[in-house]
Amino acid sequence: MSAETTAGGRPFIHKHSAHCESGVTSALFRDKGLEISEAMIFGIGSGIFFGHLPFVKMAGTTISTFRSQPGAVFRKSAKRLGGKFFTARFRNPQKGMDELRRVLQTGQIVGLTTNIYWLSYYPNRFRFQFNGHNLIALREIEGGFRVSDPILEYPVDCSADDLERARFAHGPLEPHGFMYYPLTIMLKPDLRAACIKGMKDTCNMMLRIPLPIFGIRGMRFLARKIIKSPDKIGFNNACRELASVVRMQEEIGTGGAGFRFMYAAFLQEAAELFGSDELARLSEEMTAVGDLWREFAVVSARIIKQRGHTEETFAKAGGLMLICAGREEELYKKLRSVVGKLKA
């Protein structure tokens, strides 16, 4: 943690986070006086999800996402915690930057969605094309802005040109200068009701979306695709596609295993809030599922690096993902049942 100040002179405590949007949202609420953990925000905001998007390409490979759409965690958690909030997108970059400056001058800190490639305060080896990275603009400085980036240890300075490029980058899931912040937030929200809504929503997203590329169905769709990929598109192209899955899981926005651990932490907090042994057991099960996702990543990495030819195969990697899908399906079914018995 490190201390900083906003344009209005208020103190701001920067905290390193596991995931950018849940970390930003937690910090925005903390700035309004509500202390709430990142894990609780992630769960209330229904951050955990899965989708495989074969029609969307990034760097020539298809996209798999282990989280809900950018902006959803903030929007859902703010609404469920009884807050009022502001969001905006812009067609014109100049108008977007002018509005950011105007809001910062009022003393309000602002959440922004950006493309991490254009944030030059990152070393080159950590910069890649990804339009879903969130950070907080704290105040304007000469030639740029002071920002709190939740995956860094300290606030940093970002030039105005870099921030504009990052906010208005092109490509998949273009941010269009998306900015957001809470207007008001209840200091004593109904956490029990918010948790119940978040858990119900998560179960519905993972179990009930009829399209075959989302939720548990999406996991199985991708798993079967991985198993067949060497025969369909050749070993090298199959490795590229598998590498994209692992990158989305382990590097971009925390991803698959990390999100499972975060959701397990949320379930543990919820278990304490409700005094529920069932939620505590589901937290342990979600941690075990996260370990399985990590095993999938390790096996996949060995395949990509062409190590262990005799035992690490696309069939094994896809099989592990099928196991993850089965374990998660049972977990969300149990969670849905448990939530039905909880009282706000």
Protein backbone atom coordinates (compact mmCIF):
# COMPACT_ATOMS: atom_id res chain seq x y z
CA MET A 1 0.00 0.00 0.00
CA SER A 2 1.06 3.60 -0.57
CA ALA A 3 -0.54 6.96 0.19
CA GLU A 4 -1.51 9.42 -2.54
CA THR A 5 -3.83 12.39 -2.92
CA THR A 6 -6.65 13.19 -5.31
CA ALA A 7 -7.23 16.47 -7.14
CA GLY A 8 -9.46 17.50 -4.25
CA GLY A 9 -6.66 16.92 -1.75
CA ARG A 10 -8.26 13.85 -0.19
CA PRO A 11 -5.95 10.99 0.80
CA PHE A 12 -6.04 7.91 -1.39
CA ILE A 13 -4.52 4.57 -0.39
CA HIS A 14 -3.20 2.58 -3.35
CA LYS A 15 -3.45 -1.20 -2.93
CA HIS A 16 -2.05 -3.92 -5.16
CA SER A 17 -4.91 -6.11 -6.47
CA ALA A 18 -5.33 -9.59 -7.93
CA HIS A 19 -7.54 -8.36 -10.78
CA CYS A 20 -7.78 -4.92 -12.35
CA GLU A 21 -11.54 -4.23 -12.46
CA SER A 22 -12.40 -5.68 -9.06
CA GLY A 23 -9.39 -3.88 -7.59
CA VAL A 24 -10.40 -0.58 -9.19
CA THR A 25 -14.02 -0.98 -8.06
CA SER A 26 -12.99 -1.76 -4.49
CA ALA A 27 -10.76 1.34 -4.49
CA LEU A 28 -13.53 3.56 -5.92
CA PHE A 29 -15.91 2.41 -3.17
CA ARG A 30 -13.21 2.83 -0.53
CA ASP A 31 -12.76 6.41 -1.72
CA LYS A 32 -16.48 6.96 -0.95
CA GLY A 33 -16.06 5.53 2.57
CA LEU A 34 -17.06 1.88 2.07
CA GLU A 35 -14.38 -0.63 3.03
CA ILE A 36 -15.03 -3.82 1.07
CA SER A 37 -12.63 -6.51 -0.10
CA GLU A 38 -11.73 -7.15 -3.71
CA ALA A 39 -12.98 -10.74 -3.42
CA MET A 40 -16.37 -9.55 -2.15
CA ILE A 41 -16.64 -7.10 -5.07
CA PHE A 42 -15.73 -9.89 -7.50
CA GLY A 43 -18.44 -12.18 -6.13
CA ILE A 44 -21.18 -9.56 -5.75
CA GLY A 45 -20.37 -8.29 -9.25
CA SER A 46 -20.54 -11.82 -10.73
CA GLY A 47 -17.05 -11.50 -12.16
CA ILE A 48 -16.43 -15.20 -12.80
CA PHE A 49 -17.54 -16.48 -16.22
CA PHE A 50 -16.37 -18.41 -19.27
CA GLY A 51 -16.73 -17.82 -22.96
CA HIS A 52 -14.96 -19.00 -26.10
CA LEU A 53 -15.36 -16.56 -28.99
CA PRO A 54 -14.30 -18.28 -32.24
CA PHE A 55 -15.53 -15.32 -34.30
CA VAL A 56 -13.28 -12.79 -32.49
CA LYS A 57 -9.55 -12.74 -33.21
CA MET A 58 -6.67 -11.20 -31.27
CA ALA A 59 -3.21 -11.42 -32.84
CA GLY A 60 -4.61 -13.99 -35.26
CA THR A 61 -5.96 -16.38 -32.62
CA THR A 62 -9.41 -16.82 -31.12
CA ILE A 63 -10.31 -15.35 -27.74
CA SER A 64 -11.34 -17.24 -24.63
CA THR A 65 -12.51 -15.22 -21.64
CA PHE A 66 -12.63 -16.31 -18.02
CA ARG A 67 -14.48 -13.24 -16.77
CA SER A 68 -17.67 -11.28 -17.39
CA GLN A 69 -17.62 -8.45 -19.92
CA PRO A 70 -15.52 -5.38 -19.00
CA GLY A 71 -17.48 -2.94 -16.87
CA ALA A 72 -19.96 -5.53 -15.58
CA VAL A 73 -18.24 -6.06 -12.20
CA PHE A 74 -18.39 -2.35 -11.41
CA ARG A 75 -21.92 -1.86 -12.71
CA LYS A 76 -23.44 -4.91 -11.01
CA SER A 77 -21.66 -4.49 -7.67
CA ALA A 78 -22.54 -0.79 -7.47
CA LYS A 79 -26.19 -1.51 -8.19
CA ARG A 80 -26.39 -4.45 -5.75
CA LEU A 81 -24.72 -2.43 -2.99
CA GLY A 82 -27.30 0.35 -3.36
CA GLY A 83 -25.06 2.88 -5.08
CA LYS A 84 -25.62 5.33 -7.91
CA PHE A 85 -22.95 5.45 -10.56
CA PHE A 86 -21.85 7.15 -13.76
CA THR A 87 -20.53 5.49 -16.92
CA ALA A 88 -19.76 6.94 -20.34
CA ARG A 89 -18.21 6.05 -23.70
CA PHE A 90 -17.12 8.54 -26.34
CA ARG A 91 -16.91 8.62 -30.12
CA ASN A 92 -14.53 11.56 -30.05
CA PRO A 93 -11.21 11.10 -28.15
CA GLN A 94 -10.89 14.83 -27.45
CA LYS A 95 -14.32 14.93 -25.81
CA GLY A 96 -13.41 11.87 -23.76
CA MET A 97 -10.20 13.44 -22.50
CA ASP A 98 -11.92 16.79 -21.82
CA GLU A 99 -14.60 15.03 -19.76
CA LEU A 100 -11.96 13.15 -17.77
CA ARG A 101 -10.18 16.41 -16.95
CA ARG A 102 -13.46 18.09 -15.98
CA VAL A 103 -14.45 15.31 -13.58
CA LEU A 104 -10.99 15.12 -12.00
CA GLN A 105 -11.13 18.86 -11.31
CA THR A 106 -14.17 18.25 -9.10
CA GLY A 107 -12.04 15.96 -6.89
CA GLN A 108 -13.69 12.74 -8.10
CA ILE A 109 -11.33 9.89 -9.00
CA VAL A 110 -12.24 8.01 -12.19
CA GLY A 111 -12.07 4.39 -13.32
CA LEU A 112 -10.88 3.90 -16.90
CA THR A 113 -10.77 0.96 -19.29
CA THR A 114 -7.62 0.96 -21.43
CA ASN A 115 -5.40 -1.03 -23.77
CA ILE A 116 -2.35 -2.06 -21.77
CA TYR A 117 -0.07 -1.92 -24.83
CA TRP A 118 -0.09 1.89 -24.88
CA LEU A 119 0.70 2.34 -21.18
CA SER A 120 4.39 3.11 -21.49
CA TYR A 121 5.02 2.97 -17.74
CA TYR A 122 5.03 -0.81 -18.24
CA PRO A 123 8.27 -2.40 -19.48
CA ASN A 124 8.02 -3.48 -23.12
CA ARG A 125 8.00 -7.18 -22.23
CA PHE A 126 4.73 -6.72 -20.30
CA ARG A 127 2.91 -4.74 -22.98
CA PHE A 128 0.52 -6.52 -25.34
CA GLN A 129 -2.69 -5.73 -27.21
CA PHE A 130 -5.50 -6.10 -24.67
CA ASN A 131 -8.44 -3.70 -24.50
CA GLY A 132 -9.71 -4.66 -21.05
CA HIS A 133 -7.21 -3.26 -18.53
CA ASN A 134 -8.67 -1.03 -15.80
CA LEU A 135 -6.99 1.70 -13.77
CA ILE A 136 -7.88 4.84 -11.79
CA ALA A 137 -7.05 8.40 -12.80
CA LEU A 138 -6.35 10.29 -9.55
CA ARG A 139 -5.53 13.77 -10.77
CA GLU A 140 -4.11 15.71 -13.71
CA ILE A 141 -0.43 16.65 -13.61
CA GLU A 142 1.75 18.61 -15.99
CA GLY A 143 1.71 16.78 -19.33
CA GLY A 144 -0.37 13.86 -18.09
CA PHE A 145 -2.11 12.15 -15.20
CA ARG A 146 -1.31 10.49 -11.89
CA VAL A 147 -2.85 7.02 -12.03
CA SER A 148 -3.39 4.14 -9.65
CA ASP A 149 -2.87 0.92 -11.63
CA PRO A 150 -4.03 -1.97 -9.42
CA ILE A 151 -1.44 -4.47 -10.62
CA LEU A 152 1.45 -2.15 -9.71
CA GLU A 153 2.86 -1.54 -6.25
CA TYR A 154 2.71 2.27 -6.40
CA PRO A 155 0.83 5.03 -8.28
CA VAL A 156 2.61 6.19 -11.44
CA ASP A 157 2.52 9.04 -13.93
CA CYS A 158 1.08 8.52 -17.41
CA SER A 159 1.43 11.01 -20.26
CA ALA A 160 -1.76 12.47 -21.71
CA ASP A 161 -0.91 11.11 -25.17
CA ASP A 162 -0.35 7.58 -23.86
CA LEU A 163 -3.57 7.61 -21.85
CA GLU A 164 -5.57 8.85 -24.83
CA ARG A 165 -4.12 6.10 -27.05
CA ALA A 166 -4.87 3.50 -24.38
CA ARG A 167 -8.45 4.69 -23.86
CA PHE A 168 -9.26 4.86 -27.58
CA ALA A 169 -7.30 1.89 -28.93
CA HIS A 170 -8.79 -0.12 -31.77
CA GLY A 171 -9.26 -3.88 -32.02
CA PRO A 172 -11.46 -6.46 -30.24
CA LEU A 173 -13.59 -5.02 -27.41
CA GLU A 174 -12.61 -1.41 -28.12
CA PRO A 175 -12.97 0.63 -24.90
CA HIS A 176 -14.19 3.83 -26.64
CA GLY A 177 -12.83 5.88 -23.76
CA PHE A 178 -14.98 4.08 -21.18
CA MET A 179 -14.92 5.87 -17.83
CA TYR A 180 -16.86 5.15 -14.66
CA TYR A 181 -17.18 6.14 -11.01
CA PRO A 182 -19.69 5.93 -8.16
CA LEU A 183 -21.78 9.02 -7.47
CA THR A 184 -23.02 7.75 -4.12
CA ILE A 185 -22.63 4.50 -2.20
CA MET A 186 -24.42 3.20 0.88
CA LEU A 187 -21.98 3.06 3.80
CA LYS A 188 -23.95 0.22 5.40
CA PRO A 189 -25.18 -1.81 2.42
CA ASP A 190 -27.16 -5.04 2.69
CA LEU A 191 -24.23 -7.37 2.03
CA ARG A 192 -26.32 -10.50 2.45
CA ALA A 193 -28.82 -9.49 -0.23
CA ALA A 194 -25.99 -8.35 -2.52
CA CYS A 195 -24.18 -11.68 -2.12
CA ILE A 196 -27.33 -13.66 -2.86
CA LYS A 197 -27.98 -11.66 -6.06
CA GLY A 198 -24.36 -12.06 -7.15
CA MET A 199 -24.32 -15.82 -6.57
CA LYS A 200 -27.66 -16.37 -8.33
CA ASP A 201 -26.48 -14.36 -11.32
CA THR A 202 -23.21 -16.31 -11.52
CA CYS A 203 -25.04 -19.65 -11.43
CA ASN A 204 -27.39 -18.52 -14.19
CA MET A 205 -24.54 -17.29 -16.39
CA MET A 206 -22.55 -20.49 -15.99
CA LEU A 207 -25.45 -22.95 -16.25
CA ARG A 208 -28.34 -21.45 -18.16
CA ILE A 209 -27.06 -19.50 -21.18
CA PRO A 210 -28.29 -21.66 -24.10
CA LEU A 211 -25.50 -20.72 -26.54
CA PRO A 212 -22.81 -23.45 -26.73
CA ILE A 213 -19.86 -21.05 -26.40
CA PHE A 214 -20.67 -19.66 -22.94
CA GLY A 215 -20.54 -21.00 -19.39
CA ILE A 216 -20.07 -24.71 -18.77
CA ARG A 217 -21.19 -25.45 -22.34
CA GLY A 218 -18.44 -23.16 -23.59
CA MET A 219 -15.79 -25.01 -21.57
CA ARG A 220 -16.85 -28.32 -23.09
CA PHE A 221 -17.01 -26.78 -26.56
CA LEU A 222 -13.44 -25.51 -26.26
CA ALA A 223 -12.17 -28.74 -24.65
CA ARG A 224 -13.43 -30.84 -27.57
CA LYS A 225 -11.95 -28.29 -29.98
CA ILE A 226 -8.54 -28.59 -28.29
CA ILE A 227 -8.61 -32.39 -28.48
CA LYS A 228 -9.33 -32.32 -32.22
CA SER A 229 -7.15 -29.31 -33.10
CA PRO A 230 -3.89 -31.06 -34.20
CA ASP A 231 -5.80 -33.13 -36.76
CA LYS A 232 -7.93 -30.21 -37.94
CA ILE A 233 -5.46 -27.33 -38.17
CA GLY A 234 -2.04 -28.96 -37.74
CA PHE A 235 0.28 -29.18 -34.74
CA ASN A 236 1.83 -25.70 -35.01
CA ASN A 237 -1.47 -23.86 -35.42
CA ALA A 238 -2.97 -25.97 -32.65
CA CYS A 239 -0.11 -24.87 -30.39
CA ARG A 240 -0.77 -21.22 -31.24
CA GLU A 241 -4.44 -21.57 -30.35
CA LEU A 242 -3.64 -23.42 -27.14
CA ALA A 243 -1.09 -20.77 -26.19
CA SER A 244 -3.79 -18.13 -26.62
CA VAL A 245 -6.06 -19.99 -24.18
CA VAL A 246 -3.29 -20.27 -21.59
CA ARG A 247 -2.35 -16.62 -22.01
CA MET A 248 -5.94 -15.53 -21.41
CA GLN A 249 -6.07 -17.87 -18.41
CA GLU A 250 -2.78 -17.06 -16.71
CA GLU A 251 -1.61 -13.64 -17.91
CA ILE A 252 -4.46 -11.44 -19.09
CA GLY A 253 -6.73 -10.17 -16.30
CA THR A 254 -5.73 -12.98 -13.88
CA GLY A 255 -7.85 -15.47 -15.79
CA GLY A 256 -9.06 -19.00 -15.19
CA ALA A 257 -7.22 -20.39 -12.20
CA GLY A 258 -6.76 -17.01 -10.51
CA PHE A 259 -10.44 -16.17 -10.85
CA ARG A 260 -11.36 -19.51 -9.28
CA PHE A 261 -9.17 -18.69 -6.29
CA MET A 262 -10.74 -15.22 -6.04
CA TYR A 263 -14.23 -16.69 -6.16
CA ALA A 264 -13.22 -19.20 -3.49
CA ALA A 265 -12.16 -16.26 -1.29
CA PHE A 266 -15.55 -14.65 -1.92
CA LEU A 267 -17.38 -17.85 -0.98
CA GLN A 268 -15.33 -18.03 2.23
CA GLU A 269 -16.30 -14.47 3.15
CA ALA A 270 -19.92 -15.24 2.30
CA ALA A 271 -19.75 -18.39 4.44
CA GLU A 272 -18.69 -16.29 7.43
CA LEU A 273 -21.35 -13.67 6.66
CA PHE A 274 -24.16 -16.26 6.56
CA GLY A 275 -22.66 -18.73 9.03
CA SER A 276 -22.88 -21.40 6.31
CA ASP A 277 -20.79 -24.57 6.41
CA GLU A 278 -22.10 -25.41 2.92
CA LEU A 279 -20.64 -22.24 1.43
CA ALA A 280 -17.35 -22.97 3.22
CA ARG A 281 -17.21 -26.43 1.61
CA LEU A 282 -17.96 -24.92 -1.80
CA SER A 283 -15.10 -22.47 -1.23
CA GLU A 284 -12.75 -25.42 -0.70
CA GLU A 285 -14.09 -27.12 -3.83
CA MET A 286 -13.56 -23.97 -5.91
CA THR A 287 -9.95 -23.81 -4.70
CA ALA A 288 -9.48 -27.41 -5.87
CA VAL A 289 -10.98 -26.50 -9.26
CA GLY A 290 -8.50 -23.63 -9.49
CA ASP A 291 -5.68 -26.12 -8.94
CA LEU A 292 -7.04 -28.20 -11.84
CA TRP A 293 -7.03 -25.17 -14.13
CA ARG A 294 -3.37 -24.59 -13.14
CA GLU A 295 -2.62 -28.23 -14.04
CA PHE A 296 -4.26 -27.66 -17.43
CA ALA A 297 -1.98 -24.64 -17.97
CA VAL A 298 1.16 -26.61 -17.05
CA VAL A 299 0.28 -29.51 -19.37
CA SER A 300 -0.54 -27.06 -22.15
CA ALA A 301 2.76 -25.23 -21.70
CA ARG A 302 4.68 -28.48 -22.04
CA ILE A 303 2.81 -29.28 -25.26
CA ILE A 304 3.51 -25.82 -26.68
CA LYS A 305 7.19 -26.11 -25.80
CA GLN A 306 7.14 -29.64 -27.30
CA ARG A 307 8.24 -31.28 -24.09
CA GLY A 308 7.04 -34.65 -22.82
CA HIS A 309 5.80 -35.93 -26.19
CA THR A 310 4.97 -39.36 -24.78
CA GLU A 311 2.56 -38.18 -22.09
CA GLU A 312 1.51 -34.55 -22.63
CA THR A 313 -0.98 -34.50 -25.49
CA PHE A 314 -3.80 -32.29 -26.72
CA ALA A 315 -6.15 -35.07 -25.65
CA LYS A 316 -4.81 -34.82 -22.09
CA ALA A 317 -5.12 -31.02 -22.05
CA GLY A 318 -8.65 -31.11 -23.42
CA GLY A 319 -9.51 -33.91 -21.01
CA LEU A 320 -8.40 -31.78 -18.06
CA MET A 321 -10.63 -28.95 -19.26
CA LEU A 322 -13.55 -31.39 -19.48
CA ILE A 323 -12.87 -32.40 -15.87
CA CYS A 324 -12.83 -28.70 -14.87
CA ALA A 325 -16.17 -28.24 -16.64
CA GLY A 326 -17.71 -31.20 -14.85
CA ARG A 327 -16.45 -30.12 -11.43
CA GLU A 328 -17.65 -26.55 -11.96
CA GLU A 329 -21.05 -27.67 -13.21
CA GLU A 330 -21.63 -29.64 -10.02
CA LEU A 331 -20.32 -26.75 -7.92
CA TYR A 332 -22.69 -24.19 -9.45
CA LYS A 333 -25.63 -26.58 -9.14
CA LYS A 334 -24.84 -27.02 -5.44
CA LEU A 335 -24.35 -23.27 -5.02
CA ARG A 336 -27.71 -22.60 -6.65
CA SER A 337 -29.32 -24.99 -4.19
CA VAL A 338 -27.55 -23.44 -1.19
CA VAL A 339 -28.44 -19.89 -2.24
CA GLY A 340 -32.10 -20.90 -2.45
CA LYS A 341 -32.01 -21.59 1.29
CA LEU A 342 -30.19 -18.42 2.35
CA LYS A 343 -32.01 -15.45 3.87
CA ALA A 344 -31.05 -11.86 3.22
